[in-house]
Each structure stands twice: as structure tokens, then as C-alpha cells.
Amino acid sequence: GPAAQAGFGVGARVMQALFLPVVALSFAVSPVVGQNFGGRRADRVRHSVYSAIGIASLMMLGLTLIVYLAPATLIRIFSRDPRVIAFGSDYLRIVSLNFVSAGIVFTSSSVFQGIGNTLPPLFSSMTRLVLFALPALLISRMPGFDIREVWYLSVGSIVLQMCANLLLLRHELRKRLRFEEFENFIPASATAS
């Protein structure tokens, strides 16, 4: 009904606002990784990847705890309707379970961009879409359908996307961070001055 739609709408806006710090982090990761990759500094690429994923995970874990423990407080900023607060709180409490996974997805996708291969995150995003959209369509047509089932499905699909991204990233880093030693190689940073 209208209260569920409003609760979802407010919850989605709150969630988007909460994701801004990890989005900003992921925007910064790509050029840092790209510069170190271009400079053939595998150690710095790895350090950047681990640091960014760690920072994103800690940020999102903190936000998960805040949202899981006090979703109604966040929803009340936008609505005083008890039904909207109830639905919005349910939505935020459920989707907060994927905050850490989503942060890792954002960050790992930026790492792929930094090393110049955006196909793996495209593949994992398409896989997530299929794993989410088809079951969501099927369960929405079942008698006794509850919208919370779709929210849990979304959490599960993002967790699977995170796992796929991490496996693909591990493979990509092992493959791409093997630089042949050229005797006369001069990094671009050394010639810029």
C-alpha cells in the first residue's frame, strides 16, 4: 500500500545518503590504483586495494550498526507517519545487512577500473541482476507475497556479487601484477619532472 511505498522511498533515500562516503572512497581508489599500476608498483597496488577494502568495510560496518539499531530515528527525519516509519525501519534494518558487501563491491569495482579491466565487475553486476530479478519476479507472483522477501533476496544477491568480485579481483591481481623487469624501464613518474 501507500505506507509501504512511502516507507521504502524514505528508506531508499536514507540508504543513498549513507552510501556517499563509500562512493567517495571508491572514486578515489581508481586513480590511486591506476597510477601505481602504471608505475609498475605491485606492492602499492596491493596495499591500496587492501587499505581501501578495509576502510570501506569498517565504514559500512559502522553504518550497518547505526542503521540496524536505530532505523526509526533515521526515518523520522523524513516522516512522522507510524506506518511509514514501520515499513521504512523494516527496509533499512534488512538492507543494512548488505552494507559491508555493497561497500566491497563499490571498492573492488573501482580497483578493476584502475587496472584497466572493467569486464569482471560488469559480469558480476549482470549475474547479480539475473540472480535478483528472476527470483523477485517469481516470488512476487506467489500467493502471500511479502515485500520483505524481495529485500532479503537483494541482500543475498549483493553478498554473492561481493564474493564474485573478490574472487575475480584475486585472479586479476595475480595475473596483472606480474611485471617483467625491463633493464631500461623508467616509470612515467621519473620522467615527469
N, C-alpha and C. Protein backbone atom coordinates (compact mmCIF):
# COMPACT_ATOMS: atom_id res chain seq x y z
N GLY A 1 0.80 -1.19 0.00
CA GLY A 1 0.00 0.00 0.00
C GLY A 1 0.85 1.26 0.00
N PRO A 2 0.20 2.38 0.16
CA PRO A 2 0.89 3.68 0.15
C PRO A 2 1.94 3.83 1.26
N ALA A 3 1.64 3.29 2.44
CA ALA A 3 2.60 3.40 3.55
C ALA A 3 3.86 2.60 3.24
N ALA A 4 3.68 1.43 2.63
CA ALA A 4 4.85 0.61 2.26
C ALA A 4 5.69 1.32 1.21
N GLN A 5 5.03 1.91 0.22
CA GLN A 5 5.77 2.63 -0.83
C GLN A 5 6.51 3.83 -0.25
N ALA A 6 5.84 4.56 0.62
CA ALA A 6 6.48 5.73 1.24
C ALA A 6 7.63 5.29 2.14
N GLY A 7 7.43 4.23 2.90
CA GLY A 7 8.48 3.71 3.78
C GLY A 7 9.70 3.26 2.99
N PHE A 8 9.44 2.56 1.88
CA PHE A 8 10.53 2.14 1.01
C PHE A 8 11.24 3.35 0.42
N GLY A 9 10.46 4.33 -0.05
CA GLY A 9 11.05 5.53 -0.66
C GLY A 9 11.93 6.29 0.30
N VAL A 10 11.44 6.50 1.52
CA VAL A 10 12.25 7.21 2.52
C VAL A 10 13.47 6.38 2.89
N GLY A 11 13.28 5.08 3.09
CA GLY A 11 14.40 4.20 3.44
C GLY A 11 15.47 4.18 2.35
N ALA A 12 15.03 4.17 1.10
CA ALA A 12 15.99 4.16 -0.02
C ALA A 12 16.78 5.46 -0.06
N ARG A 13 16.13 6.59 0.24
CA ARG A 13 16.83 7.88 0.24
C ARG A 13 17.84 7.95 1.38
N VAL A 14 17.45 7.45 2.54
CA VAL A 14 18.38 7.41 3.68
C VAL A 14 19.58 6.54 3.33
N MET A 15 19.32 5.39 2.73
CA MET A 15 20.41 4.48 2.36
C MET A 15 21.34 5.14 1.35
N GLN A 16 20.79 5.83 0.36
CA GLN A 16 21.62 6.51 -0.64
C GLN A 16 22.53 7.54 0.03
N ALA A 17 21.99 8.27 0.97
CA ALA A 17 22.80 9.28 1.67
C ALA A 17 23.92 8.62 2.48
N LEU A 18 23.60 7.49 3.10
CA LEU A 18 24.60 6.79 3.91
C LEU A 18 25.72 6.20 3.05
N PHE A 19 25.43 5.91 1.79
CA PHE A 19 26.43 5.32 0.91
C PHE A 19 27.42 6.35 0.35
N LEU A 20 27.16 7.63 0.52
CA LEU A 20 28.02 8.65 -0.06
C LEU A 20 29.49 8.52 0.36
N PRO A 21 29.80 8.25 1.64
CA PRO A 21 31.23 8.12 1.98
C PRO A 21 31.94 6.98 1.25
N VAL A 22 31.29 5.84 1.10
CA VAL A 22 31.96 4.72 0.42
C VAL A 22 32.03 4.97 -1.08
N VAL A 23 31.07 5.69 -1.62
CA VAL A 23 31.14 6.06 -3.04
C VAL A 23 32.32 7.00 -3.27
N ALA A 24 32.50 7.96 -2.37
CA ALA A 24 33.63 8.89 -2.48
C ALA A 24 34.95 8.13 -2.38
N LEU A 25 35.02 7.18 -1.46
CA LEU A 25 36.23 6.36 -1.33
C LEU A 25 36.50 5.59 -2.61
N SER A 26 35.47 5.00 -3.17
CA SER A 26 35.67 4.20 -4.39
C SER A 26 36.10 5.07 -5.57
N PHE A 27 35.62 6.33 -5.62
CA PHE A 27 36.09 7.24 -6.66
C PHE A 27 37.58 7.53 -6.52
N ALA A 28 38.07 7.58 -5.29
CA ALA A 28 39.48 7.87 -5.05
C ALA A 28 40.38 6.65 -5.32
N VAL A 29 39.84 5.46 -5.15
CA VAL A 29 40.63 4.24 -5.29
C VAL A 29 41.12 4.05 -6.73
N SER A 30 40.27 4.30 -7.68
CA SER A 30 40.61 4.03 -9.08
C SER A 30 41.87 4.75 -9.54
N PRO A 31 41.98 6.07 -9.36
CA PRO A 31 43.22 6.72 -9.82
C PRO A 31 44.46 6.32 -9.02
N VAL A 32 44.30 6.06 -7.72
CA VAL A 32 45.45 5.64 -6.92
C VAL A 32 45.97 4.29 -7.42
N VAL A 33 45.06 3.35 -7.62
CA VAL A 33 45.45 2.04 -8.14
C VAL A 33 46.01 2.19 -9.55
N GLY A 34 45.35 2.98 -10.39
CA GLY A 34 45.81 3.16 -11.76
C GLY A 34 47.20 3.75 -11.85
N GLN A 35 47.47 4.74 -11.02
CA GLN A 35 48.80 5.36 -11.03
C GLN A 35 49.87 4.36 -10.60
N ASN A 36 49.61 3.62 -9.57
CA ASN A 36 50.59 2.64 -9.11
C ASN A 36 50.71 1.46 -10.06
N PHE A 37 49.62 1.10 -10.70
CA PHE A 37 49.68 0.04 -11.71
C PHE A 37 50.51 0.50 -12.90
N GLY A 38 50.27 1.72 -13.34
CA GLY A 38 51.04 2.28 -14.45
C GLY A 38 52.51 2.44 -14.11
N GLY A 39 52.80 2.71 -12.83
CA GLY A 39 54.18 2.82 -12.38
C GLY A 39 54.80 1.48 -12.05
N ARG A 40 54.06 0.41 -12.31
CA ARG A 40 54.53 -0.96 -12.11
C ARG A 40 54.90 -1.24 -10.65
N ARG A 41 54.12 -0.68 -9.75
CA ARG A 41 54.37 -0.85 -8.31
C ARG A 41 53.32 -1.80 -7.73
N ALA A 42 53.54 -3.09 -7.93
CA ALA A 42 52.59 -4.11 -7.48
C ALA A 42 52.36 -4.02 -5.97
N ASP A 43 53.41 -3.72 -5.21
CA ASP A 43 53.28 -3.61 -3.76
C ASP A 43 52.30 -2.51 -3.38
N ARG A 44 52.39 -1.39 -4.07
CA ARG A 44 51.50 -0.26 -3.77
C ARG A 44 50.07 -0.53 -4.25
N VAL A 45 49.94 -1.24 -5.36
CA VAL A 45 48.60 -1.61 -5.82
C VAL A 45 47.93 -2.48 -4.77
N ARG A 46 48.65 -3.51 -4.31
CA ARG A 46 48.08 -4.41 -3.30
C ARG A 46 47.74 -3.64 -2.02
N HIS A 47 48.65 -2.79 -1.59
CA HIS A 47 48.42 -2.00 -0.37
C HIS A 47 47.18 -1.12 -0.54
N SER A 48 47.05 -0.50 -1.69
CA SER A 48 45.88 0.36 -1.96
C SER A 48 44.59 -0.45 -1.93
N VAL A 49 44.62 -1.62 -2.54
CA VAL A 49 43.43 -2.48 -2.58
C VAL A 49 43.03 -2.91 -1.17
N TYR A 50 43.99 -3.45 -0.41
CA TYR A 50 43.68 -3.93 0.93
C TYR A 50 43.22 -2.78 1.84
N SER A 51 43.90 -1.64 1.72
CA SER A 51 43.53 -0.49 2.55
C SER A 51 42.12 -0.01 2.22
N ALA A 52 41.83 0.12 0.93
CA ALA A 52 40.52 0.62 0.51
C ALA A 52 39.40 -0.33 0.93
N ILE A 53 39.61 -1.61 0.73
CA ILE A 53 38.58 -2.58 1.12
C ILE A 53 38.41 -2.59 2.63
N GLY A 54 39.51 -2.47 3.37
CA GLY A 54 39.42 -2.41 4.83
C GLY A 54 38.68 -1.17 5.31
N ILE A 55 39.03 -0.02 4.74
CA ILE A 55 38.37 1.24 5.13
C ILE A 55 36.88 1.18 4.78
N ALA A 56 36.58 0.72 3.57
CA ALA A 56 35.17 0.62 3.15
C ALA A 56 34.40 -0.31 4.08
N SER A 57 35.01 -1.43 4.43
CA SER A 57 34.34 -2.40 5.30
C SER A 57 34.07 -1.82 6.68
N LEU A 58 35.07 -1.12 7.24
CA LEU A 58 34.88 -0.52 8.56
C LEU A 58 33.82 0.58 8.54
N MET A 59 33.87 1.43 7.50
CA MET A 59 32.86 2.49 7.39
C MET A 59 31.46 1.88 7.31
N MET A 60 31.32 0.90 6.45
CA MET A 60 30.00 0.33 6.23
C MET A 60 29.54 -0.51 7.43
N LEU A 61 30.47 -1.11 8.13
CA LEU A 61 30.10 -1.84 9.34
C LEU A 61 29.55 -0.87 10.39
N GLY A 62 30.20 0.28 10.54
CA GLY A 62 29.70 1.29 11.46
C GLY A 62 28.31 1.77 11.08
N LEU A 63 28.10 2.02 9.78
CA LEU A 63 26.79 2.45 9.31
C LEU A 63 25.75 1.34 9.48
N THR A 64 26.17 0.10 9.27
CA THR A 64 25.26 -1.04 9.47
C THR A 64 24.76 -1.06 10.90
N LEU A 65 25.67 -0.91 11.84
CA LEU A 65 25.26 -0.94 13.25
C LEU A 65 24.30 0.20 13.59
N ILE A 66 24.60 1.39 13.11
CA ILE A 66 23.72 2.55 13.37
C ILE A 66 22.33 2.30 12.78
N VAL A 67 22.30 1.87 11.51
CA VAL A 67 21.02 1.68 10.83
C VAL A 67 20.26 0.50 11.42
N TYR A 68 20.95 -0.58 11.75
CA TYR A 68 20.28 -1.75 12.28
C TYR A 68 19.69 -1.47 13.66
N LEU A 69 20.42 -0.70 14.46
CA LEU A 69 19.97 -0.44 15.83
C LEU A 69 18.97 0.71 15.95
N ALA A 70 19.01 1.68 15.02
CA ALA A 70 18.13 2.85 15.15
C ALA A 70 17.54 3.29 13.82
N PRO A 71 16.90 2.37 13.08
CA PRO A 71 16.36 2.78 11.78
C PRO A 71 15.20 3.78 11.89
N ALA A 72 14.39 3.64 12.92
CA ALA A 72 13.23 4.53 13.06
C ALA A 72 13.66 5.97 13.25
N THR A 73 14.75 6.18 13.95
CA THR A 73 15.25 7.54 14.16
C THR A 73 15.60 8.18 12.82
N LEU A 74 16.20 7.42 11.93
CA LEU A 74 16.56 7.94 10.61
C LEU A 74 15.33 8.21 9.76
N ILE A 75 14.33 7.36 9.84
CA ILE A 75 13.12 7.53 9.05
C ILE A 75 12.30 8.71 9.56
N ARG A 76 12.27 8.90 10.89
CA ARG A 76 11.50 10.01 11.47
C ARG A 76 11.97 11.38 11.00
N ILE A 77 13.18 11.48 10.52
CA ILE A 77 13.67 12.76 9.99
C ILE A 77 12.81 13.19 8.80
N PHE A 78 12.26 12.21 8.07
CA PHE A 78 11.52 12.49 6.84
C PHE A 78 10.01 12.27 6.95
N SER A 79 9.58 11.49 7.93
CA SER A 79 8.14 11.21 8.05
C SER A 79 7.77 10.94 9.50
N ARG A 80 6.58 11.38 9.87
CA ARG A 80 6.06 11.13 11.23
C ARG A 80 4.95 10.06 11.21
N ASP A 81 4.58 9.60 10.04
CA ASP A 81 3.53 8.59 9.92
C ASP A 81 4.05 7.26 10.48
N PRO A 82 3.36 6.70 11.49
CA PRO A 82 3.84 5.46 12.13
C PRO A 82 3.97 4.28 11.15
N ARG A 83 3.07 4.21 10.16
CA ARG A 83 3.15 3.10 9.20
C ARG A 83 4.36 3.27 8.27
N VAL A 84 4.64 4.50 7.86
CA VAL A 84 5.81 4.77 7.03
C VAL A 84 7.08 4.47 7.82
N ILE A 85 7.10 4.86 9.07
CA ILE A 85 8.26 4.60 9.93
C ILE A 85 8.46 3.09 10.09
N ALA A 86 7.36 2.36 10.28
CA ALA A 86 7.46 0.90 10.45
C ALA A 86 8.02 0.24 9.20
N PHE A 87 7.47 0.55 8.03
CA PHE A 87 7.97 -0.05 6.79
C PHE A 87 9.39 0.39 6.47
N GLY A 88 9.64 1.69 6.64
CA GLY A 88 10.98 2.21 6.37
C GLY A 88 12.01 1.59 7.30
N SER A 89 11.64 1.39 8.55
CA SER A 89 12.54 0.77 9.52
C SER A 89 12.83 -0.68 9.15
N ASP A 90 11.79 -1.41 8.76
CA ASP A 90 12.00 -2.80 8.31
C ASP A 90 12.94 -2.84 7.12
N TYR A 91 12.69 -1.96 6.15
CA TYR A 91 13.53 -1.91 4.95
C TYR A 91 14.99 -1.64 5.32
N LEU A 92 15.22 -0.60 6.11
CA LEU A 92 16.59 -0.24 6.47
C LEU A 92 17.27 -1.34 7.28
N ARG A 93 16.54 -1.93 8.20
CA ARG A 93 17.13 -2.98 9.04
C ARG A 93 17.56 -4.16 8.16
N ILE A 94 16.74 -4.52 7.19
CA ILE A 94 17.07 -5.66 6.33
C ILE A 94 18.21 -5.31 5.38
N VAL A 95 18.10 -4.19 4.66
CA VAL A 95 19.14 -3.88 3.67
C VAL A 95 20.46 -3.47 4.32
N SER A 96 20.43 -3.08 5.58
CA SER A 96 21.69 -2.75 6.24
C SER A 96 22.60 -3.97 6.33
N LEU A 97 22.01 -5.15 6.23
CA LEU A 97 22.80 -6.38 6.26
C LEU A 97 23.72 -6.51 5.05
N ASN A 98 23.46 -5.72 4.00
CA ASN A 98 24.33 -5.79 2.82
C ASN A 98 25.27 -4.59 2.69
N PHE A 99 25.31 -3.71 3.67
CA PHE A 99 26.14 -2.51 3.56
C PHE A 99 27.62 -2.84 3.37
N VAL A 100 28.13 -3.76 4.17
CA VAL A 100 29.56 -4.11 4.04
C VAL A 100 29.81 -4.73 2.67
N SER A 101 28.95 -5.62 2.25
CA SER A 101 29.11 -6.24 0.92
C SER A 101 29.04 -5.20 -0.18
N ALA A 102 28.10 -4.28 -0.09
CA ALA A 102 27.98 -3.24 -1.11
C ALA A 102 29.22 -2.35 -1.14
N GLY A 103 29.76 -2.03 0.02
CA GLY A 103 30.98 -1.23 0.08
C GLY A 103 32.14 -1.93 -0.60
N ILE A 104 32.24 -3.23 -0.39
CA ILE A 104 33.31 -4.01 -1.03
C ILE A 104 33.08 -4.09 -2.54
N VAL A 105 31.83 -4.21 -2.96
CA VAL A 105 31.52 -4.22 -4.40
C VAL A 105 31.93 -2.90 -5.05
N PHE A 106 31.55 -1.79 -4.44
CA PHE A 106 31.93 -0.48 -4.98
C PHE A 106 33.45 -0.35 -5.09
N THR A 107 34.12 -0.69 -4.02
CA THR A 107 35.57 -0.52 -3.96
C THR A 107 36.29 -1.45 -4.93
N SER A 108 35.90 -2.71 -4.97
CA SER A 108 36.57 -3.65 -5.87
C SER A 108 36.30 -3.29 -7.34
N SER A 109 35.12 -2.78 -7.63
CA SER A 109 34.83 -2.35 -9.00
C SER A 109 35.75 -1.19 -9.41
N SER A 110 36.03 -0.31 -8.47
CA SER A 110 36.94 0.79 -8.75
C SER A 110 38.37 0.31 -8.95
N VAL A 111 38.75 -0.74 -8.24
CA VAL A 111 40.09 -1.32 -8.43
C VAL A 111 40.20 -1.86 -9.85
N PHE A 112 39.18 -2.57 -10.29
CA PHE A 112 39.19 -3.08 -11.67
C PHE A 112 39.34 -1.94 -12.66
N GLN A 113 38.64 -0.86 -12.42
CA GLN A 113 38.73 0.30 -13.30
C GLN A 113 40.16 0.84 -13.29
N GLY A 114 40.78 0.88 -12.13
CA GLY A 114 42.14 1.39 -12.02
C GLY A 114 43.17 0.56 -12.76
N ILE A 115 42.94 -0.74 -12.83
CA ILE A 115 43.90 -1.58 -13.56
C ILE A 115 43.48 -1.81 -15.01
N GLY A 116 42.40 -1.15 -15.39
CA GLY A 116 42.03 -1.13 -16.80
C GLY A 116 41.21 -2.29 -17.30
N ASN A 117 40.51 -2.99 -16.42
CA ASN A 117 39.67 -4.10 -16.88
C ASN A 117 38.32 -4.01 -16.18
N THR A 118 37.35 -3.46 -16.87
CA THR A 118 36.03 -3.29 -16.26
C THR A 118 35.07 -4.44 -16.59
N LEU A 119 35.54 -5.44 -17.30
CA LEU A 119 34.66 -6.57 -17.63
C LEU A 119 34.28 -7.43 -16.43
N PRO A 120 35.20 -7.75 -15.51
CA PRO A 120 34.79 -8.57 -14.36
C PRO A 120 33.66 -7.95 -13.53
N PRO A 121 33.72 -6.66 -13.17
CA PRO A 121 32.58 -6.13 -12.41
C PRO A 121 31.30 -6.04 -13.24
N LEU A 122 31.45 -5.87 -14.55
CA LEU A 122 30.26 -5.89 -15.41
C LEU A 122 29.63 -7.28 -15.36
N PHE A 123 30.45 -8.31 -15.44
CA PHE A 123 29.97 -9.69 -15.37
C PHE A 123 29.28 -9.95 -14.02
N SER A 124 29.91 -9.51 -12.92
CA SER A 124 29.30 -9.77 -11.61
C SER A 124 28.01 -8.97 -11.43
N SER A 125 27.94 -7.77 -11.99
CA SER A 125 26.71 -6.97 -11.90
C SER A 125 25.58 -7.62 -12.70
N MET A 126 25.91 -8.12 -13.88
CA MET A 126 24.89 -8.80 -14.69
C MET A 126 24.41 -10.08 -13.99
N THR A 127 25.34 -10.79 -13.39
CA THR A 127 24.98 -12.01 -12.66
C THR A 127 24.07 -11.67 -11.49
N ARG A 128 24.40 -10.61 -10.77
CA ARG A 128 23.56 -10.18 -9.64
C ARG A 128 22.16 -9.82 -10.12
N LEU A 129 22.10 -9.11 -11.23
CA LEU A 129 20.80 -8.72 -11.76
C LEU A 129 19.94 -9.94 -12.07
N VAL A 130 20.54 -10.94 -12.69
CA VAL A 130 19.80 -12.16 -13.01
C VAL A 130 19.40 -12.89 -11.73
N LEU A 131 20.35 -13.00 -10.80
CA LEU A 131 20.07 -13.70 -9.54
C LEU A 131 19.03 -12.98 -8.69
N PHE A 132 18.86 -11.68 -8.91
CA PHE A 132 17.87 -10.93 -8.15
C PHE A 132 16.55 -10.81 -8.90
N ALA A 133 16.62 -10.39 -10.16
CA ALA A 133 15.39 -10.05 -10.89
C ALA A 133 14.49 -11.25 -11.14
N LEU A 134 15.05 -12.34 -11.60
CA LEU A 134 14.21 -13.51 -11.90
C LEU A 134 13.52 -14.06 -10.66
N PRO A 135 14.25 -14.33 -9.57
CA PRO A 135 13.55 -14.81 -8.37
C PRO A 135 12.56 -13.77 -7.82
N ALA A 136 12.91 -12.47 -7.89
CA ALA A 136 11.99 -11.44 -7.39
C ALA A 136 10.69 -11.47 -8.18
N LEU A 137 10.80 -11.63 -9.48
CA LEU A 137 9.61 -11.71 -10.31
C LEU A 137 8.77 -12.93 -9.95
N LEU A 138 9.44 -14.05 -9.75
CA LEU A 138 8.72 -15.28 -9.41
C LEU A 138 8.03 -15.19 -8.04
N ILE A 139 8.75 -14.72 -7.03
CA ILE A 139 8.13 -14.69 -5.70
C ILE A 139 7.07 -13.60 -5.59
N SER A 140 7.17 -12.57 -6.42
CA SER A 140 6.14 -11.52 -6.36
C SER A 140 4.80 -12.01 -6.88
N ARG A 141 4.79 -13.09 -7.62
CA ARG A 141 3.55 -13.64 -8.19
C ARG A 141 2.95 -14.74 -7.31
N MET A 142 3.64 -15.08 -6.23
CA MET A 142 3.16 -16.15 -5.37
C MET A 142 2.12 -15.61 -4.38
N PRO A 143 1.15 -16.46 -4.03
CA PRO A 143 0.16 -16.04 -3.03
C PRO A 143 0.86 -15.79 -1.68
N GLY A 144 0.42 -14.78 -0.98
CA GLY A 144 1.01 -14.47 0.31
C GLY A 144 2.34 -13.74 0.20
N PHE A 145 2.59 -13.16 -0.96
CA PHE A 145 3.85 -12.45 -1.19
C PHE A 145 4.04 -11.33 -0.17
N ASP A 146 5.27 -11.24 0.35
CA ASP A 146 5.63 -10.17 1.29
C ASP A 146 6.84 -9.45 0.72
N ILE A 147 6.80 -8.13 0.65
CA ILE A 147 7.88 -7.34 0.05
C ILE A 147 9.21 -7.58 0.75
N ARG A 148 9.18 -7.96 2.01
CA ARG A 148 10.42 -8.22 2.74
C ARG A 148 11.23 -9.35 2.10
N GLU A 149 10.53 -10.27 1.45
CA GLU A 149 11.23 -11.35 0.75
C GLU A 149 12.14 -10.80 -0.35
N VAL A 150 11.68 -9.77 -1.04
CA VAL A 150 12.49 -9.13 -2.09
C VAL A 150 13.69 -8.44 -1.46
N TRP A 151 13.49 -7.81 -0.31
CA TRP A 151 14.61 -7.13 0.36
C TRP A 151 15.68 -8.13 0.79
N TYR A 152 15.26 -9.27 1.33
CA TYR A 152 16.22 -10.32 1.70
C TYR A 152 16.91 -10.88 0.46
N LEU A 153 16.17 -11.05 -0.61
CA LEU A 153 16.75 -11.51 -1.87
C LEU A 153 17.82 -10.54 -2.36
N SER A 154 17.55 -9.25 -2.22
CA SER A 154 18.53 -8.23 -2.61
C SER A 154 19.80 -8.37 -1.78
N VAL A 155 19.66 -8.58 -0.49
CA VAL A 155 20.83 -8.76 0.39
C VAL A 155 21.63 -9.97 -0.08
N GLY A 156 20.96 -11.08 -0.32
CA GLY A 156 21.66 -12.28 -0.76
C GLY A 156 22.37 -12.10 -2.09
N SER A 157 21.74 -11.40 -3.01
CA SER A 157 22.36 -11.21 -4.32
C SER A 157 23.59 -10.30 -4.24
N ILE A 158 23.57 -9.32 -3.36
CA ILE A 158 24.73 -8.44 -3.22
C ILE A 158 25.87 -9.18 -2.52
N VAL A 159 25.55 -10.04 -1.57
CA VAL A 159 26.59 -10.84 -0.93
C VAL A 159 27.25 -11.75 -1.98
N LEU A 160 26.45 -12.36 -2.84
CA LEU A 160 27.02 -13.20 -3.91
C LEU A 160 27.85 -12.37 -4.89
N GLN A 161 27.40 -11.16 -5.19
CA GLN A 161 28.17 -10.29 -6.08
C GLN A 161 29.51 -9.92 -5.44
N MET A 162 29.49 -9.67 -4.15
CA MET A 162 30.73 -9.35 -3.44
C MET A 162 31.71 -10.53 -3.54
N CYS A 163 31.21 -11.73 -3.31
CA CYS A 163 32.06 -12.93 -3.40
C CYS A 163 32.64 -13.07 -4.81
N ALA A 164 31.80 -12.86 -5.82
CA ALA A 164 32.28 -12.95 -7.20
C ALA A 164 33.33 -11.88 -7.47
N ASN A 165 33.08 -10.65 -7.04
CA ASN A 165 34.06 -9.57 -7.25
C ASN A 165 35.40 -9.89 -6.59
N LEU A 166 35.35 -10.39 -5.36
CA LEU A 166 36.59 -10.69 -4.66
C LEU A 166 37.37 -11.83 -5.33
N LEU A 167 36.66 -12.85 -5.77
CA LEU A 167 37.34 -13.95 -6.48
C LEU A 167 37.92 -13.48 -7.81
N LEU A 168 37.15 -12.70 -8.54
CA LEU A 168 37.64 -12.17 -9.82
C LEU A 168 38.81 -11.20 -9.60
N LEU A 169 38.74 -10.41 -8.55
CA LEU A 169 39.82 -9.47 -8.26
C LEU A 169 41.09 -10.21 -7.87
N ARG A 170 40.96 -11.23 -7.07
CA ARG A 170 42.13 -12.03 -6.70
C ARG A 170 42.80 -12.60 -7.93
N HIS A 171 42.00 -13.15 -8.82
CA HIS A 171 42.52 -13.71 -10.07
C HIS A 171 43.19 -12.62 -10.91
N GLU A 172 42.53 -11.49 -11.04
CA GLU A 172 43.04 -10.39 -11.87
C GLU A 172 44.34 -9.83 -11.32
N LEU A 173 44.42 -9.67 -10.01
CA LEU A 173 45.65 -9.14 -9.42
C LEU A 173 46.81 -10.12 -9.58
N ARG A 174 46.55 -11.39 -9.41
CA ARG A 174 47.61 -12.39 -9.61
C ARG A 174 48.13 -12.37 -11.04
N LYS A 175 47.21 -12.19 -11.96
CA LYS A 175 47.57 -12.20 -13.38
C LYS A 175 48.25 -10.89 -13.81
N ARG A 176 47.71 -9.77 -13.39
CA ARG A 176 48.16 -8.47 -13.93
C ARG A 176 49.31 -7.84 -13.16
N LEU A 177 49.59 -8.30 -11.94
CA LEU A 177 50.66 -7.67 -11.16
C LEU A 177 51.99 -8.40 -11.29
N ARG A 178 52.16 -9.12 -12.36
CA ARG A 178 53.45 -9.75 -12.66
C ARG A 178 54.11 -8.92 -13.74
N PHE A 179 54.96 -8.04 -13.32
CA PHE A 179 55.63 -7.16 -14.27
C PHE A 179 56.98 -7.73 -14.63
N GLU A 180 57.23 -7.81 -15.93
CA GLU A 180 58.55 -8.24 -16.38
C GLU A 180 59.53 -7.12 -16.09
N GLU A 181 60.70 -7.49 -15.65
CA GLU A 181 61.72 -6.49 -15.35
C GLU A 181 62.45 -6.11 -16.63
N PHE A 182 62.27 -4.88 -17.04
CA PHE A 182 62.99 -4.37 -18.19
C PHE A 182 64.19 -3.57 -17.68
N GLU A 183 65.32 -3.83 -18.26
CA GLU A 183 66.54 -3.19 -17.80
C GLU A 183 66.47 -1.67 -17.93
N ASN A 184 65.88 -1.19 -18.99
CA ASN A 184 65.86 0.25 -19.25
C ASN A 184 64.51 0.88 -18.94
N PHE A 185 63.67 0.21 -18.15
CA PHE A 185 62.35 0.75 -17.85
C PHE A 185 62.48 1.96 -16.93
N ILE A 186 61.84 3.04 -17.31
CA ILE A 186 61.80 4.25 -16.48
C ILE A 186 60.33 4.56 -16.24
N PRO A 187 59.90 4.55 -14.97
CA PRO A 187 58.49 4.87 -14.70
C PRO A 187 58.15 6.28 -15.16
N ALA A 188 56.91 6.46 -15.54
CA ALA A 188 56.45 7.77 -16.01
C ALA A 188 56.67 8.85 -14.97
N SER A 189 56.55 8.48 -13.69
CA SER A 189 56.72 9.47 -12.63
C SER A 189 58.15 10.02 -12.59
N ALA A 190 59.12 9.23 -13.03
CA ALA A 190 60.51 9.67 -13.02
C ALA A 190 60.80 10.64 -14.16
N THR A 191 60.02 10.58 -15.22
CA THR A 191 60.27 11.46 -16.36
C THR A 191 59.42 12.72 -16.32
N ALA A 192 58.51 12.80 -15.39
CA ALA A 192 57.58 13.93 -15.34
C ALA A 192 58.24 15.22 -14.84
N SER A 193 59.37 15.12 -14.16
CA SER A 193 59.96 16.33 -13.60
C SER A 193 60.92 17.03 -14.52
